[in-house]
Amino acid sequence: MTAPITYLHKGFKVVGVEANPLAVPLLRHRFEAEIAQGRYVLLPLGVAKSAGEAPFWICDYHPKGAASIGASPAVPVRGTTA
């Protein structure tokens, strides 16, 4: 999470893309002021080969962090192409 902070401090506008539905509320809270000021936009979706819904596995050991294929039951996540 240091990259968004670095760019925000340098005066850039930042767009964050987060596929993990458990991490989205944490990021919204962490960047609440920046979101309100229009300096940070959080897109709660994944980037995939094709647009649409895809399964997202949340790691059992670190649920608010990285994903791990086949860890817990998958949750559906909306995806878009780059």
PDB file of N, CA and C in Angstrom:
ATOM      1  N   MET A   1       0.822  -1.195   0.000  1.00  0.00           N
ATOM      2  CA  MET A   1       0.000   0.000   0.000  1.00  0.00           C
ATOM      3  C   MET A   1       0.864   1.257   0.000  1.00  0.00           C
ATOM      4  N   THR A   2       2.161   1.128  -0.066  1.00  0.00           N
ATOM      5  CA  THR A   2       3.011   2.319  -0.034  1.00  0.00           C
ATOM      6  C   THR A   2       2.957   3.109  -1.337  1.00  0.00           C
ATOM      7  N   ALA A   3       2.723   2.441  -2.469  1.00  0.00           N
ATOM      8  CA  ALA A   3       2.695   3.158  -3.751  1.00  0.00           C
ATOM      9  C   ALA A   3       1.609   4.227  -3.782  1.00  0.00           C
ATOM     10  N   PRO A   4       0.354   3.929  -3.408  1.00  0.00           N
ATOM     11  CA  PRO A   4      -0.655   4.995  -3.451  1.00  0.00           C
ATOM     12  C   PRO A   4      -0.296   6.167  -2.536  1.00  0.00           C
ATOM     13  N   ILE A   5       0.231   5.859  -1.376  1.00  0.00           N
ATOM     14  CA  ILE A   5       0.592   6.918  -0.425  1.00  0.00           C
ATOM     15  C   ILE A   5       1.688   7.791  -1.017  1.00  0.00           C
ATOM     16  N   THR A   6       2.688   7.171  -1.621  1.00  0.00           N
ATOM     17  CA  THR A   6       3.788   7.915  -2.235  1.00  0.00           C
ATOM     18  C   THR A   6       3.260   8.864  -3.305  1.00  0.00           C
ATOM     19  N   TYR A   7       2.426   8.351  -4.198  1.00  0.00           N
ATOM     20  CA  TYR A   7       1.923   9.188  -5.289  1.00  0.00           C
ATOM     21  C   TYR A   7       0.965  10.263  -4.791  1.00  0.00           C
ATOM     22  N   LEU A   8       0.172   9.973  -3.788  1.00  0.00           N
ATOM     23  CA  LEU A   8      -0.703  10.988  -3.209  1.00  0.00           C
ATOM     24  C   LEU A   8       0.121  12.113  -2.588  1.00  0.00           C
ATOM     25  N   HIS A   9       1.187  11.771  -1.879  1.00  0.00           N
ATOM     26  CA  HIS A   9       2.060  12.783  -1.279  1.00  0.00           C
ATOM     27  C   HIS A   9       2.740  13.648  -2.327  1.00  0.00           C
ATOM     28  N   LYS A  10       2.953  13.091  -3.516  1.00  0.00           N
ATOM     29  CA  LYS A  10       3.582  13.852  -4.593  1.00  0.00           C
ATOM     30  C   LYS A  10       2.569  14.700  -5.360  1.00  0.00           C
ATOM     31  N   GLY A  11       1.283  14.597  -4.973  1.00  0.00           N
ATOM     32  CA  GLY A  11       0.247  15.423  -5.588  1.00  0.00           C
ATOM     33  C   GLY A  11      -0.500  14.776  -6.743  1.00  0.00           C
ATOM     34  N   PHE A  12      -0.229  13.507  -7.012  1.00  0.00           N
ATOM     35  CA  PHE A  12      -0.925  12.818  -8.091  1.00  0.00           C
ATOM     36  C   PHE A  12      -2.317  12.370  -7.644  1.00  0.00           C
ATOM     37  N   LYS A  13      -3.210  12.217  -8.604  1.00  0.00           N
ATOM     38  CA  LYS A  13      -4.475  11.537  -8.360  1.00  0.00           C
ATOM     39  C   LYS A  13      -4.199  10.054  -8.558  1.00  0.00           C
ATOM     40  N   VAL A  14      -4.832   9.209  -7.735  1.00  0.00           N
ATOM     41  CA  VAL A  14      -4.548   7.771  -7.754  1.00  0.00           C
ATOM     42  C   VAL A  14      -5.839   6.993  -7.984  1.00  0.00           C
ATOM     43  N   VAL A  15      -5.736   5.959  -8.821  1.00  0.00           N
ATOM     44  CA  VAL A  15      -6.827   5.014  -9.021  1.00  0.00           C
ATOM     45  C   VAL A  15      -6.358   3.672  -8.479  1.00  0.00           C
ATOM     46  N   GLY A  16      -7.087   3.142  -7.503  1.00  0.00           N
ATOM     47  CA  GLY A  16      -6.775   1.844  -6.928  1.00  0.00           C
ATOM     48  C   GLY A  16      -7.755   0.803  -7.443  1.00  0.00           C
ATOM     49  N   VAL A  17      -7.251  -0.380  -7.771  1.00  0.00           N
ATOM     50  CA  VAL A  17      -8.082  -1.496  -8.219  1.00  0.00           C
ATOM     51  C   VAL A  17      -7.896  -2.617  -7.211  1.00  0.00           C
ATOM     52  N   GLU A  18      -8.993  -3.033  -6.575  1.00  0.00           N
ATOM     53  CA  GLU A  18      -8.909  -4.077  -5.542  1.00  0.00           C
ATOM     54  C   GLU A  18      -9.988  -5.123  -5.780  1.00  0.00           C
ATOM     55  N   ALA A  19      -9.563  -6.366  -6.013  1.00  0.00           N
ATOM     56  CA  ALA A  19     -10.504  -7.458  -6.254  1.00  0.00           C
ATOM     57  C   ALA A  19     -11.011  -8.098  -4.961  1.00  0.00           C
ATOM     58  N   ASN A  20     -10.228  -8.044  -3.897  1.00  0.00           N
ATOM     59  CA  ASN A  20     -10.597  -8.713  -2.650  1.00  0.00           C
ATOM     60  C   ASN A  20     -11.716  -7.938  -1.949  1.00  0.00           C
ATOM     61  N   PRO A  21     -12.924  -8.514  -1.871  1.00  0.00           N
ATOM     62  CA  PRO A  21     -14.038  -7.798  -1.254  1.00  0.00           C
ATOM     63  C   PRO A  21     -13.851  -7.528   0.241  1.00  0.00           C
ATOM     64  N   LEU A  22     -12.943  -8.247   0.898  1.00  0.00           N
ATOM     65  CA  LEU A  22     -12.681  -7.981   2.311  1.00  0.00           C
ATOM     66  C   LEU A  22     -11.728  -6.798   2.490  1.00  0.00           C
ATOM     67  N   ALA A  23     -10.916  -6.509   1.495  1.00  0.00           N
ATOM     68  CA  ALA A  23      -9.959  -5.411   1.586  1.00  0.00           C
ATOM     69  C   ALA A  23     -10.569  -4.071   1.193  1.00  0.00           C
ATOM     70  N   VAL A  24     -11.618  -4.081   0.386  1.00  0.00           N
ATOM     71  CA  VAL A  24     -12.214  -2.833  -0.102  1.00  0.00           C
ATOM     72  C   VAL A  24     -12.646  -1.905   1.034  1.00  0.00           C
ATOM     73  N   PRO A  25     -13.383  -2.379   2.044  1.00  0.00           N
ATOM     74  CA  PRO A  25     -13.782  -1.472   3.130  1.00  0.00           C
ATOM     75  C   PRO A  25     -12.575  -0.895   3.886  1.00  0.00           C
ATOM     76  N   LEU A  26     -11.525  -1.685   4.034  1.00  0.00           N
ATOM     77  CA  LEU A  26     -10.323  -1.195   4.708  1.00  0.00           C
ATOM     78  C   LEU A  26      -9.664  -0.073   3.917  1.00  0.00           C
ATOM     79  N   LEU A  27      -9.602  -0.239   2.609  1.00  0.00           N
ATOM     80  CA  LEU A  27      -9.013   0.798   1.759  1.00  0.00           C
ATOM     81  C   LEU A  27      -9.884   2.050   1.736  1.00  0.00           C
ATOM     82  N   ARG A  28     -11.202   1.861   1.707  1.00  0.00           N
ATOM     83  CA  ARG A  28     -12.101   3.032   1.747  1.00  0.00           C
ATOM     84  C   ARG A  28     -11.907   3.816   3.041  1.00  0.00           C
ATOM     85  N   HIS A  29     -11.721   3.099   4.126  1.00  0.00           N
ATOM     86  CA  HIS A  29     -11.489   3.762   5.415  1.00  0.00           C
ATOM     87  C   HIS A  29     -10.121   4.447   5.432  1.00  0.00           C
ATOM     88  N   ARG A  30      -9.093   3.734   4.986  1.00  0.00           N
ATOM     89  CA  ARG A  30      -7.728   4.275   5.001  1.00  0.00           C
ATOM     90  C   ARG A  30      -7.599   5.536   4.149  1.00  0.00           C
ATOM     91  N   PHE A  31      -8.271   5.565   3.008  1.00  0.00           N
ATOM     92  CA  PHE A  31      -8.175   6.691   2.085  1.00  0.00           C
ATOM     93  C   PHE A  31      -9.448   7.538   2.073  1.00  0.00           C
ATOM     94  N   GLU A  32     -10.169   7.550   3.176  1.00  0.00           N
ATOM     95  CA  GLU A  32     -11.436   8.272   3.265  1.00  0.00           C
ATOM     96  C   GLU A  32     -11.290   9.749   2.893  1.00  0.00           C
ATOM     97  N   ALA A  33     -10.305  10.416   3.452  1.00  0.00           N
ATOM     98  CA  ALA A  33     -10.105  11.847   3.171  1.00  0.00           C
ATOM     99  C   ALA A  33      -9.754  12.071   1.705  1.00  0.00           C
ATOM    100  N   GLU A  34      -8.861  11.243   1.173  1.00  0.00           N
ATOM    101  CA  GLU A  34      -8.427  11.386  -0.212  1.00  0.00           C
ATOM    102  C   GLU A  34      -9.575  11.107  -1.181  1.00  0.00           C
ATOM    103  N   ILE A  35     -10.432  10.149  -0.846  1.00  0.00           N
ATOM    104  CA  ILE A  35     -11.612   9.853  -1.664  1.00  0.00           C
ATOM    105  C   ILE A  35     -12.551  11.053  -1.645  1.00  0.00           C
ATOM    106  N   ALA A  36     -12.793  11.614  -0.469  1.00  0.00           N
ATOM    107  CA  ALA A  36     -13.670  12.774  -0.343  1.00  0.00           C
ATOM    108  C   ALA A  36     -13.134  13.983  -1.112  1.00  0.00           C
ATOM    109  N   GLN A  37     -11.822  14.106  -1.189  1.00  0.00           N
ATOM    110  CA  GLN A  37     -11.189  15.221  -1.903  1.00  0.00           C
ATOM    111  C   GLN A  37     -11.085  14.967  -3.404  1.00  0.00           C
ATOM    112  N   GLY A  38     -11.449  13.763  -3.843  1.00  0.00           N
ATOM    113  CA  GLY A  38     -11.368  13.421  -5.249  1.00  0.00           C
ATOM    114  C   GLY A  38      -9.960  13.097  -5.723  1.00  0.00           C
ATOM    115  N   ARG A  39      -9.071  12.818  -4.786  1.00  0.00           N
ATOM    116  CA  ARG A  39      -7.684  12.511  -5.146  1.00  0.00           C
ATOM    117  C   ARG A  39      -7.429  11.017  -5.262  1.00  0.00           C
ATOM    118  N   TYR A  40      -8.359  10.200  -4.773  1.00  0.00           N
ATOM    119  CA  TYR A  40      -8.208   8.743  -4.809  1.00  0.00           C
ATOM    120  C   TYR A  40      -9.533   8.122  -5.230  1.00  0.00           C
ATOM    121  N   VAL A  41      -9.478   7.259  -6.222  1.00  0.00           N
ATOM    122  CA  VAL A  41     -10.661   6.540  -6.684  1.00  0.00           C
ATOM    123  C   VAL A  41     -10.378   5.054  -6.488  1.00  0.00           C
ATOM    124  N   LEU A  42     -11.283   4.367  -5.818  1.00  0.00           N
ATOM    125  CA  LEU A  42     -11.128   2.938  -5.586  1.00  0.00           C
ATOM    126  C   LEU A  42     -12.141   2.174  -6.430  1.00  0.00           C
ATOM    127  N   LEU A  43     -11.640   1.303  -7.287  1.00  0.00           N
ATOM    128  CA  LEU A  43     -12.496   0.474  -8.123  1.00  0.00           C
ATOM    129  C   LEU A  43     -12.523  -0.940  -7.548  1.00  0.00           C
ATOM    130  N   PRO A  44     -13.669  -1.360  -7.003  1.00  0.00           N
ATOM    131  CA  PRO A  44     -13.752  -2.687  -6.386  1.00  0.00           C
ATOM    132  C   PRO A  44     -14.004  -3.775  -7.431  1.00  0.00           C
ATOM    133  N   LEU A  45     -12.962  -4.105  -8.179  1.00  0.00           N
ATOM    134  CA  LEU A  45     -13.088  -5.135  -9.204  1.00  0.00           C
ATOM    135  C   LEU A  45     -11.727  -5.721  -9.516  1.00  0.00           C
ATOM    136  N   GLY A  46     -11.739  -6.791 -10.272  1.00  0.00           N
ATOM    137  CA  GLY A  46     -10.496  -7.423 -10.677  1.00  0.00           C
ATOM    138  C   GLY A  46     -10.199  -7.132 -12.137  1.00  0.00           C
ATOM    139  N   VAL A  47      -8.972  -7.306 -12.529  1.00  0.00           N
ATOM    140  CA  VAL A  47      -8.581  -7.160 -13.925  1.00  0.00           C
ATOM    141  C   VAL A  47      -8.363  -8.569 -14.463  1.00  0.00           C
ATOM    142  N   ALA A  48      -9.047  -8.882 -15.548  1.00  0.00           N
ATOM    143  CA  ALA A  48      -9.024 -10.242 -16.075  1.00  0.00           C
ATOM    144  C   ALA A  48      -8.858 -10.242 -17.586  1.00  0.00           C
ATOM    145  N   LYS A  49      -8.735 -11.434 -18.111  1.00  0.00           N
ATOM    146  CA  LYS A  49      -8.594 -11.609 -19.560  1.00  0.00           C
ATOM    147  C   LYS A  49      -9.859 -11.162 -20.289  1.00  0.00           C
ATOM    148  N   SER A  50     -11.003 -11.380 -19.645  1.00  0.00           N
ATOM    149  CA  SER A  50     -12.274 -10.962 -20.232  1.00  0.00           C
ATOM    150  C   SER A  50     -13.163 -10.375 -19.137  1.00  0.00           C
ATOM    151  N   ALA A  51     -14.033  -9.464 -19.530  1.00  0.00           N
ATOM    152  CA  ALA A  51     -14.935  -8.811 -18.577  1.00  0.00           C
ATOM    153  C   ALA A  51     -16.004  -9.788 -18.111  1.00  0.00           C
ATOM    154  N   GLY A  52     -16.546  -9.562 -16.929  1.00  0.00           N
ATOM    155  CA  GLY A  52     -17.603 -10.397 -16.380  1.00  0.00           C
ATOM    156  C   GLY A  52     -17.270 -10.822 -14.965  1.00  0.00           C
ATOM    157  N   GLU A  53     -18.063 -11.724 -14.447  1.00  0.00           N
ATOM    158  CA  GLU A  53     -17.862 -12.204 -13.085  1.00  0.00           C
ATOM    159  C   GLU A  53     -16.927 -13.408 -13.082  1.00  0.00           C
ATOM    160  N   ALA A  54     -16.060 -13.454 -12.077  1.00  0.00           N
ATOM    161  CA  ALA A  54     -15.107 -14.554 -11.966  1.00  0.00           C
ATOM    162  C   ALA A  54     -14.972 -14.947 -10.498  1.00  0.00           C
ATOM    163  N   PRO A  55     -14.583 -16.195 -10.229  1.00  0.00           N
ATOM    164  CA  PRO A  55     -14.381 -16.601  -8.836  1.00  0.00           C
ATOM    165  C   PRO A  55     -13.085 -16.001  -8.281  1.00  0.00           C
ATOM    166  N   PHE A  56     -13.128 -15.608  -7.025  1.00  0.00           N
ATOM    167  CA  PHE A  56     -11.962 -15.054  -6.341  1.00  0.00           C
ATOM    168  C   PHE A  56     -11.807 -15.817  -5.036  1.00  0.00           C
ATOM    169  N   TRP A  57     -10.657 -16.441  -4.849  1.00  0.00           N
ATOM    170  CA  TRP A  57     -10.405 -17.203  -3.645  1.00  0.00           C
ATOM    171  C   TRP A  57      -9.678 -16.338  -2.641  1.00  0.00           C
ATOM    172  N   ILE A  58     -10.171 -16.334  -1.407  1.00  0.00           N
ATOM    173  CA  ILE A  58      -9.569 -15.538  -0.336  1.00  0.00           C
ATOM    174  C   ILE A  58      -8.718 -16.469   0.520  1.00  0.00           C
ATOM    175  N   CYS A  59      -7.498 -16.084   0.727  1.00  0.00           N
ATOM    176  CA  CYS A  59      -6.557 -16.901   1.488  1.00  0.00           C
ATOM    177  C   CYS A  59      -7.039 -17.092   2.922  1.00  0.00           C
ATOM    178  N   ASP A  60      -7.030 -18.336   3.388  1.00  0.00           N
ATOM    179  CA  ASP A  60      -7.445 -18.639   4.764  1.00  0.00           C
ATOM    180  C   ASP A  60      -6.518 -18.011   5.800  1.00  0.00           C
ATOM    181  N   TYR A  61      -5.245 -17.896   5.461  1.00  0.00           N
ATOM    182  CA  TYR A  61      -4.255 -17.421   6.421  1.00  0.00           C
ATOM    183  C   TYR A  61      -4.188 -15.907   6.525  1.00  0.00           C
ATOM    184  N   HIS A  62      -4.569 -15.218   5.475  1.00  0.00           N
ATOM    185  CA  HIS A  62      -4.494 -13.753   5.463  1.00  0.00           C
ATOM    186  C   HIS A  62      -5.670 -13.225   4.649  1.00  0.00           C
ATOM    187  N   PRO A  63      -6.902 -13.314   5.186  1.00  0.00           N
ATOM    188  CA  PRO A  63      -8.097 -13.029   4.401  1.00  0.00           C
ATOM    189  C   PRO A  63      -8.183 -11.627   3.816  1.00  0.00           C
ATOM    190  N   LYS A  64      -7.514 -10.655   4.421  1.00  0.00           N
ATOM    191  CA  LYS A  64      -7.600  -9.295   3.886  1.00  0.00           C
ATOM    192  C   LYS A  64      -6.431  -8.987   2.964  1.00  0.00           C
ATOM    193  N   GLY A  65      -5.620  -9.997   2.701  1.00  0.00           N
ATOM    194  CA  GLY A  65      -4.459  -9.804   1.845  1.00  0.00           C
ATOM    195  C   GLY A  65      -4.578 -10.575   0.551  1.00  0.00           C
ATOM    196  N   ALA A  66      -3.580 -11.349   0.264  1.00  0.00           N
ATOM    197  CA  ALA A  66      -3.456 -12.024  -1.026  1.00  0.00           C
ATOM    198  C   ALA A  66      -4.468 -13.132  -1.214  1.00  0.00           C
ATOM    199  N   ALA A  67      -4.757 -13.406  -2.468  1.00  0.00           N
ATOM    200  CA  ALA A  67      -5.649 -14.507  -2.816  1.00  0.00           C
ATOM    201  C   ALA A  67      -4.835 -15.772  -3.040  1.00  0.00           C
ATOM    202  N   SER A  68      -5.474 -16.876  -2.824  1.00  0.00           N
ATOM    203  CA  SER A  68      -4.812 -18.162  -3.030  1.00  0.00           C
ATOM    204  C   SER A  68      -5.809 -19.102  -3.695  1.00  0.00           C
ATOM    205  N   ILE A  69      -5.471 -19.612  -4.846  1.00  0.00           N
ATOM    206  CA  ILE A  69      -6.401 -20.473  -5.580  1.00  0.00           C
ATOM    207  C   ILE A  69      -6.731 -21.709  -4.757  1.00  0.00           C
ATOM    208  N   GLY A  70      -8.006 -21.942  -4.609  1.00  0.00           N
ATOM    209  CA  GLY A  70      -8.480 -23.130  -3.925  1.00  0.00           C
ATOM    210  C   GLY A  70      -8.425 -23.074  -2.411  1.00  0.00           C
ATOM    211  N   ALA A  71      -8.155 -21.912  -1.820  1.00  0.00           N
ATOM    212  CA  ALA A  71      -8.042 -21.810  -0.361  1.00  0.00           C
ATOM    213  C   ALA A  71      -9.410 -21.986   0.285  1.00  0.00           C
ATOM    214  N   SER A  72     -10.206 -20.978   0.274  1.00  0.00           N
ATOM    215  CA  SER A  72     -11.559 -21.015   0.832  1.00  0.00           C
ATOM    216  C   SER A  72     -12.544 -21.086  -0.320  1.00  0.00           C
ATOM    217  N   PRO A  73     -13.822 -21.244  -0.024  1.00  0.00           N
ATOM    218  CA  PRO A  73     -14.791 -21.171  -1.122  1.00  0.00           C
ATOM    219  C   PRO A  73     -14.655 -19.836  -1.846  1.00  0.00           C
ATOM    220  N   ALA A  74     -14.757 -19.866  -3.133  1.00  0.00           N
ATOM    221  CA  ALA A  74     -14.603 -18.665  -3.933  1.00  0.00           C
ATOM    222  C   ALA A  74     -15.799 -17.733  -3.765  1.00  0.00           C
ATOM    223  N   VAL A  75     -15.535 -16.447  -3.855  1.00  0.00           N
ATOM    224  CA  VAL A  75     -16.600 -15.450  -3.866  1.00  0.00           C
ATOM    225  C   VAL A  75     -16.609 -14.831  -5.265  1.00  0.00           C
ATOM    226  N   PRO A  76     -17.792 -14.481  -5.775  1.00  0.00           N
ATOM    227  CA  PRO A  76     -17.834 -13.884  -7.117  1.00  0.00           C
ATOM    228  C   PRO A  76     -17.332 -12.435  -7.081  1.00  0.00           C
ATOM    229  N   VAL A  77     -16.517 -12.091  -8.064  1.00  0.00           N
ATOM    230  CA  VAL A  77     -15.966 -10.743  -8.174  1.00  0.00           C
ATOM    231  C   VAL A  77     -16.157 -10.265  -9.601  1.00  0.00           C
ATOM    232  N   ARG A  78     -16.575  -9.025  -9.732  1.00  0.00           N
ATOM    233  CA  ARG A  78     -16.744  -8.435 -11.056  1.00  0.00           C
ATOM    234  C   ARG A  78     -15.375  -8.095 -11.616  1.00  0.00           C
ATOM    235  N   GLY A  79     -15.155  -8.439 -12.873  1.00  0.00           N
ATOM    236  CA  GLY A  79     -13.875  -8.176 -13.499  1.00  0.00           C
ATOM    237  C   GLY A  79     -14.019  -7.329 -14.741  1.00  0.00           C
ATOM    238  N   THR A  80     -12.940  -6.677 -15.103  1.00  0.00           N
ATOM    239  CA  THR A  80     -12.889  -5.876 -16.312  1.00  0.00           C
ATOM    240  C   THR A  80     -11.557  -6.119 -16.993  1.00  0.00           C
ATOM    241  N   THR A  81     -11.462  -5.749 -18.227  1.00  0.00           N
ATOM    242  CA  THR A  81     -10.198  -5.872 -18.937  1.00  0.00           C
ATOM    243  C   THR A  81      -9.425  -4.567 -18.803  1.00  0.00           C
ATOM    244  N   ALA A  82      -8.151  -4.639 -18.979  1.00  0.00           N
ATOM    245  CA  ALA A  82      -7.294  -3.443 -18.826  1.00  0.00           C
ATOM    246  C   ALA A  82      -7.486  -2.484 -19.976  1.00  0.00           C
TER     247      ALA A  82
END
